[in-house]
Amino acid sequence: GTLDARLIALDAATGEPCPDFGDGGAVDLK
């Protein structure tokens, strides 16, 4: 979770955003 209110999913092995999660790896919590 981020200061600018996003929820982000990353691949644990590479640190790359998971493209199937929200919009390109992030959900807008606002």
PDB file of all heavy atoms in Angstrom:
ATOM      1  N   GLY A   1       0.847  -1.184   0.000  1.00  0.00           N
ATOM      2  CA  GLY A   1       0.000   0.000   0.000  1.00  0.00           C
ATOM      3  C   GLY A   1       0.883   1.235   0.000  1.00  0.00           C
ATOM      4  O   GLY A   1       1.958   1.238   0.614  1.00  0.00           O
ATOM      5  N   THR A   2       0.464   2.306  -0.683  1.00  0.00           N
ATOM      6  CA  THR A   2       1.342   3.457  -0.871  1.00  0.00           C
ATOM      7  C   THR A   2       0.784   4.732  -0.240  1.00  0.00           C
ATOM      8  O   THR A   2      -0.411   4.844   0.047  1.00  0.00           O
ATOM      9  CB  THR A   2       1.583   3.727  -2.365  1.00  0.00           C
ATOM     10  OG1 THR A   2       0.350   4.142  -2.971  1.00  0.00           O
ATOM     11  CG2 THR A   2       2.129   2.498  -3.065  1.00  0.00           C
ATOM     12  N   LEU A   3       1.671   5.716  -0.094  1.00  0.00           N
ATOM     13  CA  LEU A   3       1.283   7.014   0.436  1.00  0.00           C
ATOM     14  C   LEU A   3       0.255   7.696  -0.445  1.00  0.00           C
ATOM     15  O   LEU A   3      -0.596   8.445   0.046  1.00  0.00           O
ATOM     16  CB  LEU A   3       2.519   7.909   0.587  1.00  0.00           C
ATOM     17  CG  LEU A   3       3.537   7.495   1.651  1.00  0.00           C
ATOM     18  CD1 LEU A   3       4.788   8.352   1.536  1.00  0.00           C
ATOM     19  CD2 LEU A   3       2.944   7.592   3.052  1.00  0.00           C
ATOM     20  N   ASP A   4       0.343   7.483  -1.758  1.00  0.00           N
ATOM     21  CA  ASP A   4      -0.633   8.103  -2.658  1.00  0.00           C
ATOM     22  C   ASP A   4      -1.818   7.188  -2.938  1.00  0.00           C
ATOM     23  O   ASP A   4      -2.481   7.300  -3.962  1.00  0.00           O
ATOM     24  CB  ASP A   4       0.025   8.571  -3.953  1.00  0.00           C
ATOM     25  CG  ASP A   4       0.778   7.469  -4.679  1.00  0.00           C
ATOM     26  OD1 ASP A   4       0.700   6.302  -4.260  1.00  0.00           O
ATOM     27  OD2 ASP A   4       1.452   7.782  -5.677  1.00  0.00           O
ATOM     28  N   ALA A   5      -2.085   6.276  -1.995  1.00  0.00           N
ATOM     29  CA  ALA A   5      -3.313   5.463  -1.980  1.00  0.00           C
ATOM     30  C   ALA A   5      -3.458   4.562  -3.192  1.00  0.00           C
ATOM     31  O   ALA A   5      -4.468   4.564  -3.884  1.00  0.00           O
ATOM     32  CB  ALA A   5      -4.548   6.355  -1.822  1.00  0.00           C
ATOM     33  N   ARG A   6      -2.409   3.764  -3.435  1.00  0.00           N
ATOM     34  CA  ARG A   6      -2.500   2.684  -4.407  1.00  0.00           C
ATOM     35  C   ARG A   6      -2.221   1.361  -3.707  1.00  0.00           C
ATOM     36  O   ARG A   6      -1.501   1.312  -2.706  1.00  0.00           O
ATOM     37  CB  ARG A   6      -1.476   2.870  -5.536  1.00  0.00           C
ATOM     38  CG  ARG A   6      -1.804   3.969  -6.525  1.00  0.00           C
ATOM     39  CD  ARG A   6      -0.672   4.145  -7.535  1.00  0.00           C
ATOM     40  NE  ARG A   6       0.479   4.786  -6.938  1.00  0.00           N
ATOM     41  CZ  ARG A   6       1.707   4.772  -7.458  1.00  0.00           C
ATOM     42  NH1 ARG A   6       1.953   4.078  -8.567  1.00  0.00           N
ATOM     43  NH2 ARG A   6       2.698   5.416  -6.862  1.00  0.00           N
ATOM     44  N   LEU A   7      -2.807   0.291  -4.219  1.00  0.00           N
ATOM     45  CA  LEU A   7      -2.502  -1.069  -3.790  1.00  0.00           C
ATOM     46  C   LEU A   7      -1.790  -1.734  -4.957  1.00  0.00           C
ATOM     47  O   LEU A   7      -2.344  -1.803  -6.060  1.00  0.00           O
ATOM     48  CB  LEU A   7      -3.785  -1.812  -3.427  1.00  0.00           C
ATOM     49  CG  LEU A   7      -3.643  -3.142  -2.674  1.00  0.00           C
ATOM     50  CD1 LEU A   7      -3.008  -2.921  -1.308  1.00  0.00           C
ATOM     51  CD2 LEU A   7      -4.998  -3.824  -2.522  1.00  0.00           C
ATOM     52  N   ILE A   8      -0.561  -2.192  -4.733  1.00  0.00           N
ATOM     53  CA  ILE A   8       0.303  -2.661  -5.810  1.00  0.00           C
ATOM     54  C   ILE A   8       0.680  -4.111  -5.560  1.00  0.00           C
ATOM     55  O   ILE A   8       0.981  -4.508  -4.427  1.00  0.00           O
ATOM     56  CB  ILE A   8       1.560  -1.786  -5.915  1.00  0.00           C
ATOM     57  CG1 ILE A   8       1.174  -0.349  -6.295  1.00  0.00           C
ATOM     58  CG2 ILE A   8       2.557  -2.343  -6.919  1.00  0.00           C
ATOM     59  CD1 ILE A   8       2.326   0.635  -6.282  1.00  0.00           C
ATOM     60  N   ALA A   9       0.678  -4.919  -6.634  1.00  0.00           N
ATOM     61  CA  ALA A   9       1.102  -6.318  -6.572  1.00  0.00           C
ATOM     62  C   ALA A   9       2.356  -6.492  -7.419  1.00  0.00           C
ATOM     63  O   ALA A   9       2.378  -6.127  -8.601  1.00  0.00           O
ATOM     64  CB  ALA A   9      -0.007  -7.243  -7.067  1.00  0.00           C
ATOM     65  N   LEU A  10       3.413  -7.065  -6.815  1.00  0.00           N
ATOM     66  CA  LEU A  10       4.694  -7.274  -7.488  1.00  0.00           C
ATOM     67  C   LEU A  10       5.042  -8.754  -7.495  1.00  0.00           C
ATOM     68  O   LEU A  10       4.734  -9.484  -6.545  1.00  0.00           O
ATOM     69  CB  LEU A  10       5.817  -6.511  -6.765  1.00  0.00           C
ATOM     70  CG  LEU A  10       5.620  -5.015  -6.541  1.00  0.00           C
ATOM     71  CD1 LEU A  10       6.742  -4.477  -5.667  1.00  0.00           C
ATOM     72  CD2 LEU A  10       5.563  -4.273  -7.869  1.00  0.00           C
ATOM     73  N   ASP A  11       5.703  -9.192  -8.555  1.00  0.00           N
ATOM     74  CA  ASP A  11       6.231 -10.550  -8.591  1.00  0.00           C
ATOM     75  C   ASP A  11       7.361 -10.650  -7.574  1.00  0.00           C
ATOM     76  O   ASP A  11       8.313  -9.845  -7.600  1.00  0.00           O
ATOM     77  CB  ASP A  11       6.742 -10.887  -9.988  1.00  0.00           C
ATOM     78  CG  ASP A  11       7.392 -12.251 -10.046  1.00  0.00           C
ATOM     79  OD1 ASP A  11       6.728 -13.245  -9.724  1.00  0.00           O
ATOM     80  OD2 ASP A  11       8.599 -12.317 -10.398  1.00  0.00           O
ATOM     81  N   ALA A  12       7.292 -11.624  -6.676  1.00  0.00           N
ATOM     82  CA  ALA A  12       8.260 -11.707  -5.589  1.00  0.00           C
ATOM     83  C   ALA A  12       9.663 -12.020  -6.072  1.00  0.00           C
ATOM     84  O   ALA A  12      10.645 -11.656  -5.416  1.00  0.00           O
ATOM     85  CB  ALA A  12       7.811 -12.770  -4.580  1.00  0.00           C
ATOM     86  N   ALA A  13       9.785 -12.683  -7.213  1.00  0.00           N
ATOM     87  CA  ALA A  13      11.107 -13.062  -7.708  1.00  0.00           C
ATOM     88  C   ALA A  13      11.807 -11.945  -8.456  1.00  0.00           C
ATOM     89  O   ALA A  13      13.039 -11.852  -8.448  1.00  0.00           O
ATOM     90  CB  ALA A  13      10.996 -14.295  -8.602  1.00  0.00           C
ATOM     91  N   THR A  14      11.039 -11.068  -9.121  1.00  0.00           N
ATOM     92  CA  THR A  14      11.641 -10.064  -9.997  1.00  0.00           C
ATOM     93  C   THR A  14      11.349  -8.625  -9.596  1.00  0.00           C
ATOM     94  O   THR A  14      12.051  -7.705 -10.040  1.00  0.00           O
ATOM     95  CB  THR A  14      11.152 -10.258 -11.440  1.00  0.00           C
ATOM     96  OG1 THR A  14       9.722  -9.980 -11.488  1.00  0.00           O
ATOM     97  CG2 THR A  14      11.410 -11.671 -11.925  1.00  0.00           C
ATOM     98  N   GLY A  15      10.293  -8.400  -8.820  1.00  0.00           N
ATOM     99  CA  GLY A  15       9.885  -7.046  -8.479  1.00  0.00           C
ATOM    100  C   GLY A  15       9.072  -6.358  -9.555  1.00  0.00           C
ATOM    101  O   GLY A  15       8.741  -5.176  -9.426  1.00  0.00           O
ATOM    102  N   GLU A  16       8.713  -7.079 -10.607  1.00  0.00           N
ATOM    103  CA  GLU A  16       7.915  -6.483 -11.677  1.00  0.00           C
ATOM    104  C   GLU A  16       6.436  -6.472 -11.287  1.00  0.00           C
ATOM    105  O   GLU A  16       5.942  -7.413 -10.667  1.00  0.00           O
ATOM    106  CB  GLU A  16       8.092  -7.276 -12.969  1.00  0.00           C
ATOM    107  CG  GLU A  16       9.511  -7.244 -13.528  1.00  0.00           C
ATOM    108  CD  GLU A  16       9.644  -8.060 -14.788  1.00  0.00           C
ATOM    109  OE1 GLU A  16       8.612  -8.276 -15.457  1.00  0.00           O
ATOM    110  OE2 GLU A  16      10.768  -8.507 -15.096  1.00  0.00           O
ATOM    111  N   PRO A  17       5.708  -5.402 -11.644  1.00  0.00           N
ATOM    112  CA  PRO A  17       4.269  -5.366 -11.353  1.00  0.00           C
ATOM    113  C   PRO A  17       3.527  -6.513 -12.033  1.00  0.00           C
ATOM    114  O   PRO A  17       3.873  -6.913 -13.154  1.00  0.00           O
ATOM    115  CB  PRO A  17       3.832  -4.014 -11.913  1.00  0.00           C
ATOM    116  CG  PRO A  17       5.065  -3.182 -11.929  1.00  0.00           C
ATOM    117  CD  PRO A  17       6.185  -4.142 -12.235  1.00  0.00           C
ATOM    118  N   CYS A  18       2.513  -7.041 -11.355  1.00  0.00           N
ATOM    119  CA  CYS A  18       1.690  -8.119 -11.913  1.00  0.00           C
ATOM    120  C   CYS A  18       0.619  -7.496 -12.810  1.00  0.00           C
ATOM    121  O   CYS A  18      -0.302  -6.827 -12.302  1.00  0.00           O
ATOM    122  CB  CYS A  18       1.051  -8.931 -10.788  1.00  0.00           C
ATOM    123  SG  CYS A  18       2.256  -9.722  -9.695  1.00  0.00           S
ATOM    124  N   PRO A  19       0.686  -7.680 -14.118  1.00  0.00           N
ATOM    125  CA  PRO A  19      -0.193  -6.938 -15.032  1.00  0.00           C
ATOM    126  C   PRO A  19      -1.665  -7.287 -14.907  1.00  0.00           C
ATOM    127  O   PRO A  19      -2.522  -6.502 -15.321  1.00  0.00           O
ATOM    128  CB  PRO A  19       0.353  -7.316 -16.414  1.00  0.00           C
ATOM    129  CG  PRO A  19       1.065  -8.618 -16.213  1.00  0.00           C
ATOM    130  CD  PRO A  19       1.619  -8.571 -14.835  1.00  0.00           C
ATOM    131  N   ASP A  20      -1.986  -8.459 -14.320  1.00  0.00           N
ATOM    132  CA  ASP A  20      -3.396  -8.852 -14.195  1.00  0.00           C
ATOM    133  C   ASP A  20      -4.043  -8.292 -12.936  1.00  0.00           C
ATOM    134  O   ASP A  20      -5.230  -8.506 -12.698  1.00  0.00           O
ATOM    135  CB  ASP A  20      -3.527 -10.379 -14.219  1.00  0.00           C
ATOM    136  CG  ASP A  20      -2.667 -11.077 -13.165  1.00  0.00           C
ATOM    137  OD1 ASP A  20      -1.870 -10.383 -12.499  1.00  0.00           O
ATOM    138  OD2 ASP A  20      -2.792 -12.304 -13.006  1.00  0.00           O
ATOM    139  N   PHE A  21      -3.291  -7.544 -12.134  1.00  0.00           N
ATOM    140  CA  PHE A  21      -3.818  -6.974 -10.900  1.00  0.00           C
ATOM    141  C   PHE A  21      -4.181  -5.513 -11.153  1.00  0.00           C
ATOM    142  O   PHE A  21      -3.315  -4.676 -11.428  1.00  0.00           O
ATOM    143  CB  PHE A  21      -2.780  -7.064  -9.784  1.00  0.00           C
ATOM    144  CG  PHE A  21      -3.263  -6.552  -8.449  1.00  0.00           C
ATOM    145  CD1 PHE A  21      -4.022  -7.361  -7.615  1.00  0.00           C
ATOM    146  CD2 PHE A  21      -2.957  -5.263  -8.024  1.00  0.00           C
ATOM    147  CE1 PHE A  21      -4.461  -6.897  -6.373  1.00  0.00           C
ATOM    148  CE2 PHE A  21      -3.390  -4.791  -6.792  1.00  0.00           C
ATOM    149  CZ  PHE A  21      -4.146  -5.615  -5.974  1.00  0.00           C
ATOM    150  N   GLY A  22      -5.480  -5.200 -11.080  1.00  0.00           N
ATOM    151  CA  GLY A  22      -5.927  -3.824 -11.293  1.00  0.00           C
ATOM    152  C   GLY A  22      -5.516  -3.311 -12.653  1.00  0.00           C
ATOM    153  O   GLY A  22      -5.642  -4.001 -13.675  1.00  0.00           O
ATOM    154  N   ASP A  23      -4.984  -2.099 -12.683  1.00  0.00           N
ATOM    155  CA  ASP A  23      -4.541  -1.466 -13.917  1.00  0.00           C
ATOM    156  C   ASP A  23      -3.027  -1.545 -13.979  1.00  0.00           C
ATOM    157  O   ASP A  23      -2.317  -0.729 -13.392  1.00  0.00           O
ATOM    158  CB  ASP A  23      -5.000  -0.002 -13.939  1.00  0.00           C
ATOM    159  CG  ASP A  23      -4.620   0.713 -15.230  1.00  0.00           C
ATOM    160  OD1 ASP A  23      -4.119   0.043 -16.164  1.00  0.00           O
ATOM    161  OD2 ASP A  23      -4.807   1.933 -15.306  1.00  0.00           O
ATOM    162  N   GLY A  24      -2.516  -2.583 -14.667  1.00  0.00           N
ATOM    163  CA  GLY A  24      -1.077  -2.740 -14.821  1.00  0.00           C
ATOM    164  C   GLY A  24      -0.334  -3.004 -13.541  1.00  0.00           C
ATOM    165  O   GLY A  24       0.843  -2.652 -13.415  1.00  0.00           O
ATOM    166  N   GLY A  25      -1.000  -3.602 -12.565  1.00  0.00           N
ATOM    167  CA  GLY A  25      -0.346  -3.954 -11.316  1.00  0.00           C
ATOM    168  C   GLY A  25      -0.775  -3.121 -10.131  1.00  0.00           C
ATOM    169  O   GLY A  25      -0.282  -3.340  -9.017  1.00  0.00           O
ATOM    170  N   ALA A  26      -1.682  -2.156 -10.320  1.00  0.00           N
ATOM    171  CA  ALA A  26      -2.072  -1.265  -9.219  1.00  0.00           C
ATOM    172  C   ALA A  26      -3.571  -1.019  -9.210  1.00  0.00           C
ATOM    173  O   ALA A  26      -4.219  -0.963 -10.259  1.00  0.00           O
ATOM    174  CB  ALA A  26      -1.326   0.066  -9.323  1.00  0.00           C
ATOM    175  N   VAL A  27      -4.121  -0.861  -8.013  1.00  0.00           N
ATOM    176  CA  VAL A  27      -5.511  -0.475  -7.802  1.00  0.00           C
ATOM    177  C   VAL A  27      -5.517   0.912  -7.168  1.00  0.00           C
ATOM    178  O   VAL A  27      -4.756   1.183  -6.234  1.00  0.00           O
ATOM    179  CB  VAL A  27      -6.224  -1.478  -6.874  1.00  0.00           C
ATOM    180  CG1 VAL A  27      -7.588  -0.952  -6.440  1.00  0.00           C
ATOM    181  CG2 VAL A  27      -6.369  -2.832  -7.562  1.00  0.00           C
ATOM    182  N   ASP A  28      -6.373   1.794  -7.663  1.00  0.00           N
ATOM    183  CA  ASP A  28      -6.503   3.144  -7.124  1.00  0.00           C
ATOM    184  C   ASP A  28      -7.456   3.116  -5.934  1.00  0.00           C
ATOM    185  O   ASP A  28      -8.673   2.943  -6.103  1.00  0.00           O
ATOM    186  CB  ASP A  28      -7.012   4.095  -8.206  1.00  0.00           C
ATOM    187  CG  ASP A  28      -7.105   5.537  -7.721  1.00  0.00           C
ATOM    188  OD1 ASP A  28      -6.665   5.816  -6.578  1.00  0.00           O
ATOM    189  OD2 ASP A  28      -7.614   6.380  -8.480  1.00  0.00           O
ATOM    190  N   LEU A  29      -6.922   3.300  -4.718  1.00  0.00           N
ATOM    191  CA  LEU A  29      -7.740   3.254  -3.513  1.00  0.00           C
ATOM    192  C   LEU A  29      -8.529   4.538  -3.287  1.00  0.00           C
ATOM    193  O   LEU A  29      -9.369   4.604  -2.382  1.00  0.00           O
ATOM    194  CB  LEU A  29      -6.864   2.975  -2.294  1.00  0.00           C
ATOM    195  CG  LEU A  29      -6.142   1.621  -2.287  1.00  0.00           C
ATOM    196  CD1 LEU A  29      -5.212   1.518  -1.097  1.00  0.00           C
ATOM    197  CD2 LEU A  29      -7.129   0.469  -2.296  1.00  0.00           C
ATOM    198  N   LYS A  30      -8.299   5.547  -4.108  1.00  0.00           N
ATOM    199  CA  LYS A  30      -9.073   6.788  -3.984  1.00  0.00           C
ATOM    200  C   LYS A  30     -10.461   6.651  -4.594  1.00  0.00           C
ATOM    201  O   LYS A  30     -11.313   7.528  -4.409  1.00  0.00           O
ATOM    202  CB  LYS A  30      -8.317   7.938  -4.656  1.00  0.00           C
ATOM    203  CG  LYS A  30      -6.960   8.253  -4.013  1.00  0.00           C
ATOM    204  CD  LYS A  30      -6.292   9.460  -4.626  1.00  0.00           C
ATOM    205  CE  LYS A  30      -5.879   9.236  -6.067  1.00  0.00           C
ATOM    206  NZ  LYS A  30      -4.832   8.204  -6.203  1.00  0.00           N
TER     207      LYS A  30
END
